[in-house]
Amino acid sequence: MAAQQEKTPITEYTRQVDLEPEVEGWLEKLEKEQTQLAQPVTDDKGQVILDDAQKQAGFKVVLPLTKDEVDQGLRLKVIDSLRWLAEWCLRLIKMFGNKVAYRKA
């Protein structure tokens, strides 16, 4: 005879926290502020971990394939590596939109 497993009901506990008016105003003010780093944040080895986002606004992603190569790669079989490179290029296009450029022929 198999032992029956004991079942415990799952209960979710939530707590509503009411903030004081001056704390709410301070949080809203803090969220609206434009934050800029004086210098980049680095780890103990000197590698940059966090840089100012304003400097990164004008980046451009250059794909490793031309538009024709991407189209040809998408028609290949799944076992071909060029197919997966073309799929990866499509993913980058979806992620970055108009910031993507094809490789020049």
Protein backbone atom coordinates (compact mmCIF):
# COMPACT_ATOMS: atom_id res chain seq x y z
CA MET A 1 0.00 0.00 0.00
CA ALA A 2 1.50 3.36 -1.06
CA ALA A 3 1.66 6.15 1.49
CA GLN A 4 -0.34 9.20 0.54
CA GLN A 5 1.58 12.43 0.38
CA GLU A 6 0.42 15.15 2.74
CA LYS A 7 -0.95 18.18 0.89
CA THR A 8 -0.53 21.68 2.25
CA PRO A 9 -2.60 24.49 0.77
CA ILE A 10 -0.60 27.27 -0.86
CA THR A 11 -1.41 30.64 0.67
CA GLU A 12 -0.12 33.94 -0.66
CA TYR A 13 0.49 36.68 1.85
CA THR A 14 0.73 40.25 0.63
CA ARG A 15 1.22 43.39 2.61
CA GLN A 16 0.12 46.80 1.43
CA VAL A 17 2.58 49.46 2.53
CA ASP A 18 1.38 53.05 2.72
CA LEU A 19 4.23 55.51 2.33
CA GLU A 20 4.22 58.89 3.99
CA PRO A 21 3.53 61.81 1.60
CA GLU A 22 7.06 63.24 1.88
CA VAL A 23 8.58 59.85 1.08
CA GLU A 24 6.33 59.41 -1.97
CA GLY A 25 7.31 62.85 -3.27
CA TRP A 26 10.99 62.10 -2.73
CA LEU A 27 10.74 58.81 -4.65
CA GLU A 28 8.96 60.48 -7.57
CA LYS A 29 11.58 63.23 -7.67
CA LEU A 30 14.38 60.67 -7.60
CA GLU A 31 12.83 58.63 -10.43
CA LYS A 32 12.45 61.71 -12.67
CA GLU A 33 16.04 62.92 -12.22
CA GLN A 34 18.54 62.45 -15.01
CA THR A 35 21.40 60.49 -13.55
CA GLN A 36 24.89 60.79 -14.95
CA LEU A 37 28.01 59.09 -13.68
CA ALA A 38 31.06 61.25 -13.05
CA GLN A 39 33.26 58.34 -14.08
CA PRO A 40 32.54 54.75 -15.15
CA VAL A 41 32.05 52.08 -12.48
CA THR A 42 34.84 49.49 -12.59
CA ASP A 43 35.46 46.21 -10.83
CA ASP A 44 38.58 45.39 -8.81
CA LYS A 45 40.45 44.38 -11.99
CA GLY A 46 39.76 47.72 -13.67
CA GLN A 47 37.20 46.43 -16.18
CA VAL A 48 34.30 48.82 -16.85
CA ILE A 49 31.03 47.43 -15.48
CA LEU A 50 28.71 50.42 -15.82
CA ASP A 51 29.23 53.37 -18.13
CA ASP A 52 27.15 56.48 -18.70
CA ALA A 53 24.13 55.61 -20.86
CA GLN A 54 24.20 59.00 -22.60
CA LYS A 55 27.45 58.13 -24.37
CA GLN A 56 26.03 54.88 -25.74
CA ALA A 57 22.98 56.44 -27.41
CA GLY A 58 24.52 56.69 -30.90
CA PHE A 59 25.75 53.13 -31.39
CA LYS A 60 25.33 51.14 -34.61
CA VAL A 61 25.33 47.33 -34.95
CA VAL A 62 27.02 46.04 -38.11
CA LEU A 63 25.92 42.54 -39.07
CA PRO A 64 28.54 40.03 -40.28
CA LEU A 65 26.52 39.31 -43.47
CA THR A 66 25.19 41.34 -46.38
CA LYS A 67 21.45 41.46 -47.04
CA ASP A 68 21.81 38.95 -49.91
CA GLU A 69 23.82 36.56 -47.72
CA VAL A 70 21.14 36.71 -45.01
CA ASP A 71 18.43 35.94 -47.58
CA GLN A 72 20.45 33.03 -49.00
CA GLY A 73 21.23 31.73 -45.51
CA LEU A 74 17.55 31.64 -44.55
CA ARG A 75 16.88 29.29 -47.49
CA LEU A 76 19.50 26.75 -46.36
CA LYS A 77 18.83 23.63 -44.29
CA VAL A 78 18.74 23.78 -40.50
CA ILE A 79 22.00 21.82 -40.21
CA ASP A 80 24.00 24.52 -42.04
CA SER A 81 25.89 27.00 -39.89
CA LEU A 82 25.20 29.83 -42.33
CA ARG A 83 21.49 29.30 -41.68
CA TRP A 84 22.00 29.90 -37.96
CA LEU A 85 24.18 32.94 -38.59
CA ALA A 86 21.38 34.37 -40.74
CA GLU A 87 18.84 33.58 -37.99
CA TRP A 88 21.08 35.34 -35.46
CA CYS A 89 21.25 38.38 -37.77
CA LEU A 90 17.43 38.46 -37.89
CA ARG A 91 17.34 38.36 -34.10
CA LEU A 92 19.68 41.36 -33.91
CA ILE A 93 17.48 43.21 -36.40
CA LYS A 94 14.44 42.55 -34.21
CA MET A 95 16.30 43.62 -31.05
CA PHE A 96 17.94 46.82 -32.33
CA GLY A 97 15.68 47.83 -35.21
CA ASN A 98 16.98 50.82 -37.17
CA LYS A 99 20.36 50.74 -35.39
CA VAL A 100 21.42 47.72 -37.48
CA ALA A 101 23.44 47.92 -40.70
CA TYR A 102 24.32 45.09 -43.06
CA ARG A 103 27.96 44.42 -43.93
CA LYS A 104 29.01 46.20 -47.11
CA ALA A 105 29.54 43.90 -50.09
